[in-house]
Amino acid sequence: MRAAVLETLPGELIVQDVSLDKPGPGEVLVRTAAAGLCHSDLHFMENLYPHPVPAVLGHESAGVVEAVGEGVTYVSAGDHVITCLSAYCGMCDYCLTGRLYLCNNRAAIDRGAGDPSRLRRPNGDHIHQFLRLSSFAEEMLVHEHALVKITKDMPLDRAALIGCGVTTGLGAAFRTADVEVGSTVAVVGCGGIGLNVVQGARIAGAGRIIAIDLNPTKLEMAQQFGATDVIDGSKVDAVAAVKELTGGGVEFSFEAIGSKTAAEQCFKMLCGGGTATIIGMIPVGTNIELHGPDFLAAKKIQGSLMGSNRFRVDMPRYVDLYLQGRLKLDELVSARITLDQINDGFAAMKAGNVARSVIVF
């Protein structure tokens, strides 16, 4: 099969032939239908987060089950599925207390050291699997605990977006922060994740949603997704502007860039008792600085991992919201590309010209 392989750090992806093993116990072979290009992949390509190479990247995807291994009962051939990097063991304390996204025993669903690797070069050399998925490939071999079954009524190129960006953004609003009806919200960064925070806050019933970005095009998109106000951070002091609009600050703020400056701004723009949620992948080794006395106003800052998801429950519900016309996914797709155009897709992402590019296989 053909796949996009990261050979060097930093580096671009090289489309080449790779081999995939047959499904073993608990494993599922999935024919990839679509895969979204996520900024997280770019972080690894730029070596801002370490990962061994060679590796097939990609983690936001949907497809059709081709075959299953011994003991698999959740899916069968022909089922439509979304993948999720929040694969879980089902046995650790986090899993048993309903926080599967924090599972700390994912090695339990990996192959053993003496087993053949799932991904290999045609000559048999090992290729690393990215986040137990590697969806920039025509097929994926994954554990069944990394999949959720969905209705066949759902278009798979839209379903792929739910595999990461949509779940991360909506979940940050619904689950991590628990945005309340009538509350004030600010979202710093209106790319693929930020736009989903905006529409998550809208669906949750927030009274005022302020979108902040440096790109006017992204601010226009944020209004389509439910922002009531927009701030161009390249022209004004975003913190001062938020405080002026709200008369003192917002109850909930979200950082969706992965920036030290943006994270600090999110904390500064809170009102008393407010909560800042940091979603973006701030580079390894970067520290953020906060003004200590602000904590006396009961302000809080927290992280969010994959929207604190319960993906086998959440993702089918997000599919239902889309099919009901309440969740915007069509508008997220800026471009549909082929696997051979993957590096052009990441170049467009770096230029800030797209919400999501989706590889359609």
Protein backbone atom coordinates (compact mmCIF):
# COMPACT_ATOMS: atom_id res chain seq x y z
CA MET A 1 0.00 0.00 0.00
CA ARG A 2 1.01 3.66 -0.32
CA ALA A 3 1.68 5.79 2.72
CA ALA A 4 3.27 9.13 3.68
CA VAL A 5 6.44 8.42 5.68
CA LEU A 6 8.40 10.86 7.85
CA GLU A 7 12.05 9.87 7.33
CA THR A 8 13.97 12.71 9.01
CA LEU A 9 13.45 15.26 11.81
CA PRO A 10 12.53 17.89 10.87
CA GLY A 11 11.31 16.87 7.43
CA GLU A 12 8.56 16.56 4.87
CA LEU A 13 6.58 13.40 4.19
CA ILE A 14 7.60 11.01 1.43
CA VAL A 15 4.87 8.97 -0.26
CA GLN A 16 6.15 5.43 -0.76
CA ASP A 17 5.14 1.77 -0.64
CA VAL A 18 4.94 0.14 2.79
CA SER A 19 3.71 -3.22 4.03
CA LEU A 20 1.01 -3.89 6.60
CA ASP A 21 0.75 -7.10 8.62
CA LYS A 22 -2.42 -9.18 8.95
CA PRO A 23 -4.74 -8.51 11.93
CA GLY A 24 -3.65 -10.25 15.13
CA PRO A 25 -5.72 -10.79 18.28
CA GLY A 26 -7.79 -7.69 19.10
CA GLU A 27 -6.73 -5.93 15.89
CA VAL A 28 -8.72 -4.51 13.00
CA LEU A 29 -7.70 -3.82 9.40
CA VAL A 30 -9.33 -0.60 8.16
CA ARG A 31 -9.41 0.74 4.61
CA THR A 32 -8.79 4.45 5.05
CA ALA A 33 -11.46 6.59 3.40
CA ALA A 34 -10.30 10.03 4.55
CA ALA A 35 -7.69 11.61 6.80
CA GLY A 36 -7.52 15.19 8.01
CA LEU A 37 -4.29 17.16 8.23
CA CYS A 38 -3.93 18.29 11.84
CA HIS A 39 -1.50 20.83 13.29
CA SER A 40 -0.37 18.13 15.72
CA ASP A 41 1.15 16.20 12.80
CA LEU A 42 3.02 19.34 11.80
CA HIS A 43 4.44 19.72 15.31
CA PHE A 44 6.04 16.28 14.96
CA MET A 45 7.26 16.99 11.41
CA GLU A 46 8.95 20.14 12.70
CA ASN A 47 10.47 18.19 15.62
CA LEU A 48 8.76 20.39 18.22
CA TYR A 49 7.64 17.13 19.80
CA PRO A 50 9.93 14.10 19.59
CA HIS A 51 8.95 10.93 17.73
CA PRO A 52 11.06 8.10 16.34
CA VAL A 53 11.49 7.80 12.57
CA PRO A 54 10.75 6.41 10.08
CA ALA A 55 7.06 6.78 10.88
CA VAL A 56 3.77 6.99 9.03
CA LEU A 57 1.99 10.02 10.48
CA GLY A 58 -1.74 10.84 10.57
CA HIS A 59 -4.32 10.37 13.30
CA GLU A 60 -7.60 12.07 12.25
CA SER A 61 -9.37 9.54 10.07
CA ALA A 62 -12.33 7.41 9.14
CA GLY A 63 -12.72 4.31 7.04
CA VAL A 64 -14.30 0.91 6.45
CA VAL A 65 -13.40 -2.31 8.27
CA GLU A 66 -11.78 -4.84 5.93
CA ALA A 67 -10.98 -7.67 8.35
CA VAL A 68 -10.75 -8.40 12.07
CA GLY A 69 -8.43 -10.52 14.18
CA GLU A 70 -9.13 -13.15 16.78
CA GLY A 71 -11.36 -12.05 19.64
CA VAL A 72 -12.70 -8.89 18.01
CA THR A 73 -16.44 -8.58 18.62
CA TYR A 74 -17.08 -4.82 18.51
CA VAL A 75 -16.78 -4.42 14.71
CA SER A 76 -16.95 -6.65 11.65
CA ALA A 77 -16.08 -6.34 7.97
CA GLY A 78 -18.04 -3.57 6.26
CA ASP A 79 -18.58 -1.43 9.36
CA HIS A 80 -17.85 2.28 9.07
CA VAL A 81 -15.55 3.58 11.78
CA ILE A 82 -13.78 6.67 13.11
CA THR A 83 -10.33 6.29 14.62
CA CYS A 84 -9.23 7.95 17.86
CA LEU A 85 -5.78 8.40 19.36
CA SER A 86 -7.37 8.01 22.82
CA ALA A 87 -7.04 4.26 22.52
CA TYR A 88 -7.52 2.65 25.92
CA CYS A 89 -6.50 -0.48 27.81
CA GLY A 90 -9.75 -0.74 29.80
CA MET A 91 -7.93 -1.95 32.91
CA CYS A 92 -5.97 0.96 34.47
CA ASP A 93 -7.32 3.30 37.16
CA TYR A 94 -8.03 6.04 34.60
CA CYS A 95 -10.07 3.71 32.40
CA LEU A 96 -11.95 2.23 35.34
CA THR A 97 -12.91 5.73 36.55
CA GLY A 98 -14.21 6.85 33.15
CA ARG A 99 -11.19 8.88 32.04
CA LEU A 100 -10.10 6.73 29.13
CA TYR A 101 -8.38 9.67 27.40
CA LEU A 102 -5.80 9.61 30.22
CA CYS A 103 -5.13 5.85 29.99
CA ASN A 104 -1.57 5.22 31.14
CA ASN A 105 -1.37 1.59 30.07
CA ARG A 106 -1.79 1.86 26.29
CA ALA A 107 1.22 -0.43 25.87
CA ALA A 108 -1.20 -3.22 26.80
CA ILE A 109 -2.80 -2.93 23.35
CA ASP A 110 0.51 -2.81 21.48
CA ARG A 111 2.20 -5.80 19.96
CA GLY A 112 4.86 -7.51 22.04
CA ALA A 113 8.57 -6.98 21.56
CA GLY A 114 8.94 -10.35 19.85
CA ASP A 115 5.98 -9.90 17.52
CA PRO A 116 6.27 -8.60 13.94
CA SER A 117 5.61 -4.87 13.66
CA ARG A 118 2.32 -3.69 12.21
CA LEU A 119 4.05 -1.44 9.67
CA ARG A 120 7.14 -2.40 7.67
CA ARG A 121 9.11 -1.46 4.62
CA PRO A 122 8.80 -3.92 1.70
CA ASN A 123 12.19 -5.33 2.77
CA GLY A 124 10.85 -6.05 6.26
CA ASP A 125 12.47 -3.15 8.15
CA HIS A 126 10.38 -1.66 10.97
CA ILE A 127 8.33 1.53 10.50
CA HIS A 128 6.94 3.24 13.59
CA GLN A 129 3.18 3.58 13.99
CA PHE A 130 2.09 7.10 14.93
CA LEU A 131 -0.23 7.31 17.94
CA ARG A 132 -1.22 3.67 17.28
CA LEU A 133 -2.98 4.80 14.08
CA SER A 134 -0.81 6.05 11.14
CA SER A 135 -3.69 7.19 8.96
CA PHE A 136 -1.72 8.85 6.14
CA ALA A 137 -1.93 5.48 4.43
CA GLU A 138 -4.36 3.56 2.29
CA GLU A 139 -4.97 1.10 5.13
CA MET A 140 -4.53 1.04 8.92
CA LEU A 141 -3.96 -1.85 11.30
CA VAL A 142 -5.17 -0.79 14.75
CA HIS A 143 -6.45 -2.22 18.00
CA GLU A 144 -10.23 -2.33 18.29
CA HIS A 145 -9.99 0.01 21.31
CA ALA A 146 -8.94 2.80 18.92
CA LEU A 147 -12.16 2.65 16.90
CA VAL A 148 -15.77 3.71 17.20
CA LYS A 149 -18.49 2.36 14.95
CA ILE A 150 -20.77 4.91 13.26
CA THR A 151 -23.84 4.93 11.06
CA LYS A 152 -23.25 4.41 7.33
CA ASP A 153 -25.37 7.51 6.66
CA MET A 154 -22.41 9.68 7.73
CA PRO A 155 -20.08 10.89 4.92
CA LEU A 156 -16.63 9.55 5.80
CA ASP A 157 -14.70 12.65 4.71
CA ARG A 158 -16.66 14.63 7.30
CA ALA A 159 -16.53 11.82 9.85
CA ALA A 160 -12.72 11.90 9.74
CA LEU A 161 -12.72 15.39 11.25
CA ILE A 162 -14.50 14.06 14.32
CA GLY A 163 -11.50 11.79 14.94
CA CYS A 164 -9.47 14.65 16.40
CA GLY A 165 -10.17 18.32 15.68
CA VAL A 166 -13.92 18.28 16.26
CA THR A 167 -13.76 16.10 19.36
CA THR A 168 -10.89 18.14 20.80
CA GLY A 169 -12.65 21.47 20.30
CA LEU A 170 -16.18 20.46 21.23
CA GLY A 171 -14.97 18.40 24.17
CA ALA A 172 -12.91 21.28 25.55
CA ALA A 173 -16.12 23.32 25.70
CA PHE A 174 -18.52 20.54 26.74
CA ARG A 175 -16.40 18.41 29.03
CA THR A 176 -13.12 20.02 30.11
CA ALA A 177 -14.52 23.50 30.81
CA ASP A 178 -18.24 22.67 31.04
CA VAL A 179 -19.32 25.96 29.44
CA GLU A 180 -22.56 27.15 31.00
CA VAL A 181 -25.67 28.56 29.36
CA GLY A 182 -25.47 32.34 29.05
CA SER A 183 -21.76 32.51 29.93
CA THR A 184 -19.05 34.63 28.29
CA VAL A 185 -16.39 32.85 26.25
CA ALA A 186 -13.19 33.90 24.45
CA VAL A 187 -11.38 31.66 21.96
CA VAL A 188 -7.80 32.57 21.05
CA GLY A 189 -6.89 30.99 17.71
CA CYS A 190 -9.53 30.17 15.12
CA GLY A 191 -8.01 27.33 13.14
CA GLY A 192 -9.56 23.87 13.01
CA ILE A 193 -9.57 23.40 16.80
CA GLY A 194 -10.61 26.93 17.69
CA LEU A 195 -13.56 26.91 15.29
CA ASN A 196 -14.84 23.79 17.00
CA VAL A 197 -14.49 25.43 20.41
CA VAL A 198 -16.55 28.32 19.02
CA GLN A 199 -19.33 26.05 17.81
CA GLY A 200 -19.10 23.97 20.98
CA ALA A 201 -19.70 27.10 23.04
CA ARG A 202 -22.59 28.00 20.73
CA ILE A 203 -24.21 24.57 21.10
CA ALA A 204 -23.66 24.74 24.88
CA GLY A 205 -25.66 27.99 24.96
CA ALA A 206 -22.95 30.56 25.72
CA GLY A 207 -24.32 34.09 25.68
CA ARG A 208 -21.27 35.80 24.19
CA ILE A 209 -18.49 34.15 22.19
CA ILE A 210 -15.48 36.30 21.33
CA ALA A 211 -13.14 34.95 18.62
CA ILE A 212 -9.55 36.23 18.52
CA ASP A 213 -7.06 35.69 15.69
CA LEU A 214 -4.50 37.53 13.58
CA ASN A 215 -6.07 36.37 10.30
CA PRO A 216 -9.22 38.22 9.11
CA THR A 217 -10.32 35.20 7.05
CA LYS A 218 -10.36 32.98 10.15
CA LEU A 219 -12.33 35.62 12.03
CA GLU A 220 -14.94 35.59 9.28
CA MET A 221 -15.17 31.82 9.59
CA ALA A 222 -15.52 32.10 13.35
CA GLN A 223 -18.63 34.24 12.86
CA GLN A 224 -20.11 31.51 10.65
CA PHE A 225 -19.51 29.02 13.46
CA GLY A 226 -21.19 31.14 16.12
CA ALA A 227 -18.86 33.91 17.32
CA THR A 228 -20.81 36.97 18.45
CA ASP A 229 -17.74 39.23 18.43
CA VAL A 230 -14.33 39.10 16.74
CA ILE A 231 -11.01 40.71 17.64
CA ASP A 232 -8.07 41.09 15.26
CA GLY A 233 -5.11 40.59 17.57
CA SER A 234 -2.75 42.14 15.02
CA LYS A 235 -4.45 45.52 15.43
CA VAL A 236 -5.41 45.78 19.09
CA ASP A 237 -4.42 44.44 22.50
CA ALA A 238 -6.60 41.34 22.69
CA VAL A 239 -6.77 41.26 26.49
CA ALA A 240 -7.79 44.92 26.75
CA ALA A 241 -10.35 44.47 23.97
CA VAL A 242 -11.94 41.45 25.67
CA LYS A 243 -12.18 43.27 28.99
CA GLU A 244 -13.76 46.28 27.31
CA LEU A 245 -16.34 44.14 25.47
CA THR A 246 -17.32 42.24 28.61
CA GLY A 247 -16.90 44.86 31.28
CA GLY A 248 -14.10 43.05 33.07
CA GLY A 249 -13.31 39.72 31.44
CA VAL A 250 -14.77 36.40 30.35
CA GLU A 251 -15.83 33.41 32.42
CA PHE A 252 -14.21 30.92 30.04
CA SER A 253 -11.22 31.35 27.75
CA PHE A 254 -9.60 28.82 25.42
CA GLU A 255 -6.14 28.75 23.88
CA ALA A 256 -6.14 26.85 20.57
CA ILE A 257 -2.74 27.69 19.08
CA GLY A 258 0.03 26.18 21.18
CA SER A 259 1.62 29.52 22.06
CA LYS A 260 3.14 30.78 25.32
CA THR A 261 1.85 34.30 24.60
CA ALA A 262 -1.68 33.12 23.78
CA ALA A 263 -1.84 30.97 26.93
CA GLU A 264 -0.82 33.93 29.08
CA GLN A 265 -3.38 36.14 27.33
CA CYS A 266 -6.13 33.61 28.06
CA PHE A 267 -5.42 33.81 31.77
CA LYS A 268 -5.22 37.61 31.76
CA MET A 269 -8.60 38.05 30.03
CA LEU A 270 -10.55 36.16 32.71
CA CYS A 271 -12.95 37.75 35.12
CA GLY A 272 -12.88 36.72 38.76
CA GLY A 273 -13.61 33.02 39.11
CA GLY A 274 -12.97 32.43 35.42
CA THR A 275 -11.26 29.39 33.88
CA ALA A 276 -8.64 29.33 31.12
CA THR A 277 -8.36 26.06 29.19
CA ILE A 278 -5.17 25.41 27.24
CA ILE A 279 -5.72 23.11 24.27
CA GLY A 280 -2.79 23.90 21.97
CA MET A 281 0.47 21.93 22.00
CA ILE A 282 2.91 24.41 23.53
CA PRO A 283 6.42 23.31 22.43
CA VAL A 284 8.46 21.10 24.72
CA GLY A 285 10.68 23.13 27.05
CA THR A 286 8.44 26.22 26.98
CA ASN A 287 7.18 27.66 30.28
CA ILE A 288 4.30 30.09 30.70
CA GLU A 289 4.33 32.93 33.22
CA LEU A 290 1.31 34.05 35.23
CA HIS A 291 0.83 36.92 37.67
CA GLY A 292 0.61 35.27 41.09
CA PRO A 293 -1.87 37.68 42.74
CA ASP A 294 -4.45 36.92 40.00
CA PHE A 295 -5.07 33.57 41.69
CA LEU A 296 -6.52 35.46 44.65
CA ALA A 297 -9.45 36.27 42.35
CA ALA A 298 -10.14 32.51 42.10
CA LYS A 299 -8.98 32.39 38.49
CA LYS A 300 -8.04 28.95 37.19
CA ILE A 301 -5.94 27.54 34.36
CA GLN A 302 -6.14 23.95 33.13
CA GLY A 303 -5.09 21.73 30.27
CA SER A 304 -7.30 19.71 27.96
CA LEU A 305 -6.32 16.44 26.28
CA MET A 306 -8.47 15.43 23.29
CA GLY A 307 -11.44 17.27 24.78
CA SER A 308 -11.57 15.00 27.86
CA ASN A 309 -13.43 12.64 25.54
CA ARG A 310 -15.36 9.44 26.03
CA PHE A 311 -15.03 8.83 22.32
CA ARG A 312 -17.23 5.77 21.92
CA VAL A 313 -20.07 7.79 23.44
CA ASP A 314 -19.18 11.26 22.19
CA MET A 315 -18.36 10.63 18.54
CA PRO A 316 -21.67 8.97 17.59
CA ARG A 317 -23.43 11.88 19.29
CA TYR A 318 -21.40 14.35 17.22
CA VAL A 319 -22.38 12.40 14.10
CA ASP A 320 -26.04 12.77 15.14
CA LEU A 321 -25.57 16.53 15.66
CA TYR A 322 -24.17 16.82 12.14
CA LEU A 323 -26.95 14.78 10.57
CA GLN A 324 -29.47 16.95 12.45
CA GLY A 325 -27.87 20.09 10.96
CA ARG A 326 -26.69 21.38 14.35
CA LEU A 327 -22.95 20.75 13.93
CA LYS A 328 -21.00 22.40 11.13
CA LEU A 329 -18.55 20.07 9.40
CA ASP A 330 -18.93 20.87 5.69
CA GLU A 331 -17.66 24.39 6.37
CA LEU A 332 -14.50 23.03 8.05
CA VAL A 333 -13.24 21.37 4.87
CA SER A 334 -11.17 23.95 3.03
CA ALA A 335 -9.68 21.49 0.53
CA ARG A 336 -9.93 17.84 -0.49
CA ILE A 337 -6.56 16.56 -1.63
CA THR A 338 -4.82 13.36 -2.67
CA LEU A 339 -2.10 11.61 -0.69
CA ASP A 340 0.48 12.90 -3.18
CA GLN A 341 -0.54 16.50 -2.31
CA ILE A 342 0.05 16.06 1.43
CA ASN A 343 3.07 18.36 1.70
CA ASP A 344 1.20 21.08 -0.21
CA GLY A 345 -1.59 20.66 2.33
CA PHE A 346 0.79 21.24 5.23
CA ALA A 347 2.28 24.26 3.44
CA ALA A 348 -1.23 25.75 3.18
CA MET A 349 -1.72 25.06 6.90
CA LYS A 350 1.51 26.89 7.78
CA ALA A 351 0.41 29.82 5.62
CA GLY A 352 -2.83 30.04 7.62
CA ASN A 353 -5.04 29.65 4.56
CA VAL A 354 -7.16 26.66 5.59
CA ALA A 355 -9.33 25.32 8.39
CA ARG A 356 -8.81 21.67 7.38
CA SER A 357 -7.41 19.90 4.35
CA VAL A 358 -8.70 16.35 4.02
CA ILE A 359 -7.01 13.53 2.12
CA VAL A 360 -9.64 11.53 0.29
CA PHE A 361 -8.42 8.05 -0.66
